[in-house]
Amino acid sequence: MPTIFEIFGLRFFFFAEDHAPIHVHVVKGDDDAKIAIEPNIELVYNHGLKTRDLKRALKLADMYKEDIIETWKKYHD
């Protein structure tokens, strides 16, 4: 499970054998969410992240969208 980055206690990663479309998993403690990166930044599911952390995760996913896509492609190509 390659970690892309960790900010504010939110760890952004994907699974080694993950599937398209490009997305990230975000974990903080025991809580997690899945965020689609392509075609648009969009929440797929949230399992317990607090509203503040979820908003922050979505904003960070948008801010680092190009880095996430580049890391995904390097790993999966």
PDB file of N, CA and C in Angstrom:
ATOM      1  N   MET A   1       0.820  -1.171   0.000  1.00  0.00           N
ATOM      2  CA  MET A   1       0.000   0.000   0.000  1.00  0.00           C
ATOM      3  C   MET A   1       0.876   1.251   0.000  1.00  0.00           C
ATOM      4  N   PRO A   2       1.198   1.722  -1.173  1.00  0.00           N
ATOM      5  CA  PRO A   2       2.054   2.901  -1.273  1.00  0.00           C
ATOM      6  C   PRO A   2       1.400   4.161  -0.704  1.00  0.00           C
ATOM      7  N   THR A   3       2.076   4.783   0.248  1.00  0.00           N
ATOM      8  CA  THR A   3       1.604   6.050   0.792  1.00  0.00           C
ATOM      9  C   THR A   3       2.066   7.162  -0.146  1.00  0.00           C
ATOM     10  N   ILE A   4       1.152   8.017  -0.532  1.00  0.00           N
ATOM     11  CA  ILE A   4       1.482   9.136  -1.407  1.00  0.00           C
ATOM     12  C   ILE A   4       1.984  10.304  -0.571  1.00  0.00           C
ATOM     13  N   PHE A   5       1.250  10.635   0.480  1.00  0.00           N
ATOM     14  CA  PHE A   5       1.680  11.660   1.431  1.00  0.00           C
ATOM     15  C   PHE A   5       0.827  11.576   2.686  1.00  0.00           C
ATOM     16  N   GLU A   6       1.306  12.261   3.727  1.00  0.00           N
ATOM     17  CA  GLU A   6       0.557  12.353   4.979  1.00  0.00           C
ATOM     18  C   GLU A   6       0.629  13.793   5.464  1.00  0.00           C
ATOM     19  N   ILE A   7      -0.546  14.385   5.666  1.00  0.00           N
ATOM     20  CA  ILE A   7      -0.652  15.774   6.097  1.00  0.00           C
ATOM     21  C   ILE A   7      -1.793  15.866   7.115  1.00  0.00           C
ATOM     22  N   PHE A   8      -1.557  16.602   8.200  1.00  0.00           N
ATOM     23  CA  PHE A   8      -2.573  16.817   9.238  1.00  0.00           C
ATOM     24  C   PHE A   8      -3.111  15.492   9.786  1.00  0.00           C
ATOM     25  N   GLY A   9      -2.264  14.474   9.806  1.00  0.00           N
ATOM     26  CA  GLY A   9      -2.682  13.171  10.307  1.00  0.00           C
ATOM     27  C   GLY A   9      -3.510  12.359   9.323  1.00  0.00           C
ATOM     28  N   LEU A  10      -3.711  12.880   8.132  1.00  0.00           N
ATOM     29  CA  LEU A  10      -4.451  12.184   7.083  1.00  0.00           C
ATOM     30  C   LEU A  10      -3.441  11.508   6.155  1.00  0.00           C
ATOM     31  N   ARG A  11      -3.535  10.182   6.044  1.00  0.00           N
ATOM     32  CA  ARG A  11      -2.617   9.437   5.172  1.00  0.00           C
ATOM     33  C   ARG A  11      -3.341   9.099   3.875  1.00  0.00           C
ATOM     34  N   PHE A  12      -2.760   9.541   2.762  1.00  0.00           N
ATOM     35  CA  PHE A  12      -3.304   9.310   1.431  1.00  0.00           C
ATOM     36  C   PHE A  12      -2.512   8.178   0.786  1.00  0.00           C
ATOM     37  N   PHE A  13      -3.211   7.151   0.322  1.00  0.00           N
ATOM     38  CA  PHE A  13      -2.521   6.002  -0.269  1.00  0.00           C
ATOM     39  C   PHE A  13      -3.435   5.297  -1.260  1.00  0.00           C
ATOM     40  N   PHE A  14      -2.841   4.352  -1.995  1.00  0.00           N
ATOM     41  CA  PHE A  14      -3.622   3.443  -2.823  1.00  0.00           C
ATOM     42  C   PHE A  14      -3.061   2.047  -2.612  1.00  0.00           C
ATOM     43  N   PHE A  15      -3.828   1.057  -3.003  1.00  0.00           N
ATOM     44  CA  PHE A  15      -3.394  -0.325  -2.875  1.00  0.00           C
ATOM     45  C   PHE A  15      -2.571  -0.715  -4.095  1.00  0.00           C
ATOM     46  N   ALA A  16      -1.616  -1.601  -3.904  1.00  0.00           N
ATOM     47  CA  ALA A  16      -0.709  -2.005  -4.973  1.00  0.00           C
ATOM     48  C   ALA A  16      -1.462  -2.549  -6.185  1.00  0.00           C
ATOM     49  N   GLU A  17      -2.508  -3.275  -5.970  1.00  0.00           N
ATOM     50  CA  GLU A  17      -3.275  -3.866  -7.069  1.00  0.00           C
ATOM     51  C   GLU A  17      -4.601  -3.135  -7.285  1.00  0.00           C
ATOM     52  N   ASP A  18      -4.612  -1.830  -7.012  1.00  0.00           N
ATOM     53  CA  ASP A  18      -5.855  -1.062  -7.115  1.00  0.00           C
ATOM     54  C   ASP A  18      -6.317  -0.955  -8.565  1.00  0.00           C
ATOM     55  N   HIS A  19      -7.543  -0.590  -8.737  1.00  0.00           N
ATOM     56  CA  HIS A  19      -8.210  -0.553 -10.032  1.00  0.00           C
ATOM     57  C   HIS A  19      -8.490   0.881 -10.445  1.00  0.00           C
ATOM     58  N   ALA A  20      -8.664   1.068 -11.735  1.00  0.00           N
ATOM     59  CA  ALA A  20      -9.085   2.362 -12.256  1.00  0.00           C
ATOM     60  C   ALA A  20     -10.568   2.540 -11.950  1.00  0.00           C
ATOM     61  N   PRO A  21     -11.085   3.748 -11.951  1.00  0.00           N
ATOM     62  CA  PRO A  21     -10.402   5.014 -12.178  1.00  0.00           C
ATOM     63  C   PRO A  21      -9.511   5.391 -10.995  1.00  0.00           C
ATOM     64  N   ILE A  22      -8.623   6.326 -11.252  1.00  0.00           N
ATOM     65  CA  ILE A  22      -7.666   6.755 -10.231  1.00  0.00           C
ATOM     66  C   ILE A  22      -8.411   7.291  -9.025  1.00  0.00           C
ATOM     67  N   HIS A  23      -8.015   6.809  -7.849  1.00  0.00           N
ATOM     68  CA  HIS A  23      -8.620   7.232  -6.587  1.00  0.00           C
ATOM     69  C   HIS A  23      -7.596   7.047  -5.474  1.00  0.00           C
ATOM     70  N   VAL A  24      -7.881   7.617  -4.318  1.00  0.00           N
ATOM     71  CA  VAL A  24      -7.032   7.438  -3.143  1.00  0.00           C
ATOM     72  C   VAL A  24      -7.901   7.023  -1.960  1.00  0.00           C
ATOM     73  N   HIS A  25      -7.247   6.345  -1.047  1.00  0.00           N
ATOM     74  CA  HIS A  25      -7.848   6.020   0.236  1.00  0.00           C
ATOM     75  C   HIS A  25      -7.212   6.971   1.237  1.00  0.00           C
ATOM     76  N   VAL A  26      -7.996   7.450   2.171  1.00  0.00           N
ATOM     77  CA  VAL A  26      -7.514   8.384   3.185  1.00  0.00           C
ATOM     78  C   VAL A  26      -7.865   7.806   4.550  1.00  0.00           C
ATOM     79  N   VAL A  27      -6.861   7.751   5.427  1.00  0.00           N
ATOM     80  CA  VAL A  27      -7.055   7.171   6.755  1.00  0.00           C
ATOM     81  C   VAL A  27      -6.574   8.148   7.815  1.00  0.00           C
ATOM     82  N   LYS A  28      -7.348   8.222   8.882  1.00  0.00           N
ATOM     83  CA  LYS A  28      -6.929   8.936  10.089  1.00  0.00           C
ATOM     84  C   LYS A  28      -7.424   8.105  11.259  1.00  0.00           C
ATOM     85  N   GLY A  29      -6.498   7.535  12.005  1.00  0.00           N
ATOM     86  CA  GLY A  29      -6.878   6.635  13.093  1.00  0.00           C
ATOM     87  C   GLY A  29      -7.580   5.417  12.526  1.00  0.00           C
ATOM     88  N   ASP A  30      -8.758   5.125  13.047  1.00  0.00           N
ATOM     89  CA  ASP A  30      -9.547   3.985  12.573  1.00  0.00           C
ATOM     90  C   ASP A  30     -10.565   4.381  11.504  1.00  0.00           C
ATOM     91  N   ASP A  31     -10.576   5.647  11.116  1.00  0.00           N
ATOM     92  CA  ASP A  31     -11.558   6.149  10.166  1.00  0.00           C
ATOM     93  C   ASP A  31     -10.950   6.230   8.767  1.00  0.00           C
ATOM     94  N   ASP A  32     -11.786   6.040   7.748  1.00  0.00           N
ATOM     95  CA  ASP A  32     -11.258   6.079   6.392  1.00  0.00           C
ATOM     96  C   ASP A  32     -12.299   6.580   5.402  1.00  0.00           C
ATOM     97  N   ALA A  33     -11.781   7.004   4.255  1.00  0.00           N
ATOM     98  CA  ALA A  33     -12.629   7.465   3.159  1.00  0.00           C
ATOM     99  C   ALA A  33     -11.935   7.105   1.854  1.00  0.00           C
ATOM    100  N   LYS A  34     -12.713   7.102   0.791  1.00  0.00           N
ATOM    101  CA  LYS A  34     -12.187   6.876  -0.554  1.00  0.00           C
ATOM    102  C   LYS A  34     -12.597   8.072  -1.398  1.00  0.00           C
ATOM    103  N   ILE A  35     -11.621   8.632  -2.118  1.00  0.00           N
ATOM    104  CA  ILE A  35     -11.857   9.825  -2.926  1.00  0.00           C
ATOM    105  C   ILE A  35     -11.445   9.543  -4.364  1.00  0.00           C
ATOM    106  N   ALA A  36     -12.380   9.728  -5.298  1.00  0.00           N
ATOM    107  CA  ALA A  36     -12.071   9.613  -6.723  1.00  0.00           C
ATOM    108  C   ALA A  36     -11.242  10.829  -7.127  1.00  0.00           C
ATOM    109  N   ILE A  37     -10.231  10.593  -7.948  1.00  0.00           N
ATOM    110  CA  ILE A  37      -9.386  11.679  -8.447  1.00  0.00           C
ATOM    111  C   ILE A  37      -9.759  11.998  -9.890  1.00  0.00           C
ATOM    112  N   GLU A  38     -10.023  10.968 -10.671  1.00  0.00           N
ATOM    113  CA  GLU A  38     -10.451  11.157 -12.055  1.00  0.00           C
ATOM    114  C   GLU A  38     -11.796  10.507 -12.258  1.00  0.00           C
ATOM    115  N   PRO A  39     -12.689  11.059 -13.011  1.00  0.00           N
ATOM    116  CA  PRO A  39     -12.487  12.274 -13.789  1.00  0.00           C
ATOM    117  C   PRO A  39     -12.559  13.556 -12.951  1.00  0.00           C
ATOM    118  N   ASN A  40     -13.192  13.488 -11.774  1.00  0.00           N
ATOM    119  CA  ASN A  40     -13.301  14.658 -10.894  1.00  0.00           C
ATOM    120  C   ASN A  40     -13.028  14.245  -9.459  1.00  0.00           C
ATOM    121  N   ILE A  41     -12.628  15.212  -8.647  1.00  0.00           N
ATOM    122  CA  ILE A  41     -12.476  14.965  -7.216  1.00  0.00           C
ATOM    123  C   ILE A  41     -13.877  14.762  -6.651  1.00  0.00           C
ATOM    124  N   GLU A  42     -14.098  13.567  -6.078  1.00  0.00           N
ATOM    125  CA  GLU A  42     -15.433  13.244  -5.590  1.00  0.00           C
ATOM    126  C   GLU A  42     -15.337  12.199  -4.481  1.00  0.00           C
ATOM    127  N   LEU A  43     -16.104  12.398  -3.436  1.00  0.00           N
ATOM    128  CA  LEU A  43     -16.151  11.433  -2.349  1.00  0.00           C
ATOM    129  C   LEU A  43     -16.869  10.175  -2.824  1.00  0.00           C
ATOM    130  N   VAL A  44     -16.212   9.016  -2.648  1.00  0.00           N
ATOM    131  CA  VAL A  44     -16.820   7.737  -2.988  1.00  0.00           C
ATOM    132  C   VAL A  44     -17.524   7.179  -1.754  1.00  0.00           C
ATOM    133  N   TYR A  45     -16.815   7.186  -0.617  1.00  0.00           N
ATOM    134  CA  TYR A  45     -17.432   6.803   0.652  1.00  0.00           C
ATOM    135  C   TYR A  45     -16.651   7.391   1.812  1.00  0.00           C
ATOM    136  N   ASN A  46     -17.326   7.476   2.943  1.00  0.00           N
ATOM    137  CA  ASN A  46     -16.706   7.928   4.181  1.00  0.00           C
ATOM    138  C   ASN A  46     -17.124   6.984   5.299  1.00  0.00           C
ATOM    139  N   HIS A  47     -16.133   6.425   5.957  1.00  0.00           N
ATOM    140  CA  HIS A  47     -16.387   5.551   7.105  1.00  0.00           C
ATOM    141  C   HIS A  47     -15.793   6.186   8.356  1.00  0.00           C
ATOM    142  N   GLY A  48     -16.430   7.245   8.821  1.00  0.00           N
ATOM    143  CA  GLY A  48     -16.101   7.802  10.114  1.00  0.00           C
ATOM    144  C   GLY A  48     -15.246   9.045  10.180  1.00  0.00           C
ATOM    145  N   LEU A  49     -14.681   9.507   9.063  1.00  0.00           N
ATOM    146  CA  LEU A  49     -13.906  10.751   9.142  1.00  0.00           C
ATOM    147  C   LEU A  49     -14.828  11.894   9.551  1.00  0.00           C
ATOM    148  N   LYS A  50     -14.353  12.712  10.463  1.00  0.00           N
ATOM    149  CA  LYS A  50     -15.131  13.873  10.896  1.00  0.00           C
ATOM    150  C   LYS A  50     -15.251  14.857   9.737  1.00  0.00           C
ATOM    151  N   THR A  51     -16.290  15.653   9.781  1.00  0.00           N
ATOM    152  CA  THR A  51     -16.563  16.606   8.705  1.00  0.00           C
ATOM    153  C   THR A  51     -15.353  17.466   8.392  1.00  0.00           C
ATOM    154  N   ARG A  52     -14.688  17.985   9.423  1.00  0.00           N
ATOM    155  CA  ARG A  52     -13.518  18.841   9.207  1.00  0.00           C
ATOM    156  C   ARG A  52     -12.407  18.086   8.470  1.00  0.00           C
ATOM    157  N   ASP A  53     -12.143  16.849   8.901  1.00  0.00           N
ATOM    158  CA  ASP A  53     -11.099  16.053   8.261  1.00  0.00           C
ATOM    159  C   ASP A  53     -11.486  15.682   6.835  1.00  0.00           C
ATOM    160  N   LEU A  54     -12.748  15.391   6.605  1.00  0.00           N
ATOM    161  CA  LEU A  54     -13.202  15.038   5.272  1.00  0.00           C
ATOM    162  C   LEU A  54     -13.072  16.229   4.320  1.00  0.00           C
ATOM    163  N   LYS A  55     -13.489  17.396   4.764  1.00  0.00           N
ATOM    164  CA  LYS A  55     -13.342  18.601   3.933  1.00  0.00           C
ATOM    165  C   LYS A  55     -11.878  18.859   3.628  1.00  0.00           C
ATOM    166  N   ARG A  56     -11.030  18.692   4.628  1.00  0.00           N
ATOM    167  CA  ARG A  56      -9.593  18.887   4.451  1.00  0.00           C
ATOM    168  C   ARG A  56      -9.042  17.862   3.457  1.00  0.00           C
ATOM    169  N   ALA A  57      -9.469  16.606   3.573  1.00  0.00           N
ATOM    170  CA  ALA A  57      -8.998  15.551   2.664  1.00  0.00           C
ATOM    171  C   ALA A  57      -9.400  15.858   1.218  1.00  0.00           C
ATOM    172  N   LEU A  58     -10.623  16.285   1.019  1.00  0.00           N
ATOM    173  CA  LEU A  58     -11.081  16.627  -0.333  1.00  0.00           C
ATOM    174  C   LEU A  58     -10.295  17.809  -0.897  1.00  0.00           C
ATOM    175  N   LYS A  59     -10.039  18.802  -0.072  1.00  0.00           N
ATOM    176  CA  LYS A  59      -9.271  19.962  -0.519  1.00  0.00           C
ATOM    177  C   LYS A  59      -7.831  19.561  -0.860  1.00  0.00           C
ATOM    178  N   LEU A  60      -7.215  18.726  -0.015  1.00  0.00           N
ATOM    179  CA  LEU A  60      -5.852  18.266  -0.279  1.00  0.00           C
ATOM    180  C   LEU A  60      -5.790  17.402  -1.535  1.00  0.00           C
ATOM    181  N   ALA A  61      -6.789  16.564  -1.742  1.00  0.00           N
ATOM    182  CA  ALA A  61      -6.832  15.744  -2.955  1.00  0.00           C
ATOM    183  C   ALA A  61      -6.879  16.637  -4.189  1.00  0.00           C
ATOM    184  N   ASP A  62      -7.634  17.718  -4.109  1.00  0.00           N
ATOM    185  CA  ASP A  62      -7.711  18.655  -5.226  1.00  0.00           C
ATOM    186  C   ASP A  62      -6.380  19.394  -5.409  1.00  0.00           C
ATOM    187  N   MET A  63      -5.798  19.841  -4.318  1.00  0.00           N
ATOM    188  CA  MET A  63      -4.532  20.571  -4.381  1.00  0.00           C
ATOM    189  C   MET A  63      -3.410  19.710  -4.952  1.00  0.00           C
ATOM    190  N   TYR A  64      -3.397  18.427  -4.617  1.00  0.00           N
ATOM    191  CA  TYR A  64      -2.319  17.529  -5.016  1.00  0.00           C
ATOM    192  C   TYR A  64      -2.739  16.559  -6.113  1.00  0.00           C
ATOM    193  N   LYS A  65      -3.789  16.899  -6.827  1.00  0.00           N
ATOM    194  CA  LYS A  65      -4.337  16.017  -7.861  1.00  0.00           C
ATOM    195  C   LYS A  65      -3.271  15.563  -8.854  1.00  0.00           C
ATOM    196  N   GLU A  66      -2.492  16.475  -9.375  1.00  0.00           N
ATOM    197  CA  GLU A  66      -1.475  16.120 -10.373  1.00  0.00           C
ATOM    198  C   GLU A  66      -0.416  15.193  -9.786  1.00  0.00           C
ATOM    199  N   ASP A  67       0.000  15.431  -8.552  1.00  0.00           N
ATOM    200  CA  ASP A  67       0.981  14.559  -7.889  1.00  0.00           C
ATOM    201  C   ASP A  67       0.406  13.161  -7.682  1.00  0.00           C
ATOM    202  N   ILE A  68      -0.853  13.091  -7.295  1.00  0.00           N
ATOM    203  CA  ILE A  68      -1.504  11.794  -7.081  1.00  0.00           C
ATOM    204  C   ILE A  68      -1.566  11.016  -8.390  1.00  0.00           C
ATOM    205  N   ILE A  69      -1.981  11.680  -9.461  1.00  0.00           N
ATOM    206  CA  ILE A  69      -2.078  11.031 -10.768  1.00  0.00           C
ATOM    207  C   ILE A  69      -0.704  10.547 -11.228  1.00  0.00           C
ATOM    208  N   GLU A  70       0.300  11.388 -11.070  1.00  0.00           N
ATOM    209  CA  GLU A  70       1.658  11.016 -11.477  1.00  0.00           C
ATOM    210  C   GLU A  70       2.159   9.803 -10.688  1.00  0.00           C
ATOM    211  N   THR A  71       1.932   9.804  -9.381  1.00  0.00           N
ATOM    212  CA  THR A  71       2.369   8.671  -8.550  1.00  0.00           C
ATOM    213  C   THR A  71       1.628   7.398  -8.932  1.00  0.00           C
ATOM    214  N   TRP A  72       0.329   7.493  -9.140  1.00  0.00           N
ATOM    215  CA  TRP A  72      -0.484   6.348  -9.547  1.00  0.00           C
ATOM    216  C   TRP A  72       0.063   5.752 -10.857  1.00  0.00           C
ATOM    217  N   LYS A  73       0.285   6.621 -11.853  1.00  0.00           N
ATOM    218  CA  LYS A  73       0.728   6.149 -13.168  1.00  0.00           C
ATOM    219  C   LYS A  73       2.124   5.529 -13.093  1.00  0.00           C
ATOM    220  N   LYS A  74       3.008   6.111 -12.316  1.00  0.00           N
ATOM    221  CA  LYS A  74       4.340   5.531 -12.170  1.00  0.00           C
ATOM    222  C   LYS A  74       4.260   4.139 -11.553  1.00  0.00           C
ATOM    223  N   TYR A  75       3.370   3.971 -10.609  1.00  0.00           N
ATOM    224  CA  TYR A  75       3.265   2.711  -9.899  1.00  0.00           C
ATOM    225  C   TYR A  75       2.547   1.644 -10.725  1.00  0.00           C
ATOM    226  N   HIS A  76       1.505   2.030 -11.438  1.00  0.00           N
ATOM    227  CA  HIS A  76       0.669   1.062 -12.140  1.00  0.00           C
ATOM    228  C   HIS A  76       1.051   0.831 -13.598  1.00  0.00           C
ATOM    229  N   ASP A  77       1.935   1.624 -14.149  1.00  0.00           N
ATOM    230  CA  ASP A  77       2.352   1.426 -15.557  1.00  0.00           C
ATOM    231  C   ASP A  77       3.569   0.545 -15.657  1.00  0.00           C
TER     232      ASP A  77
END
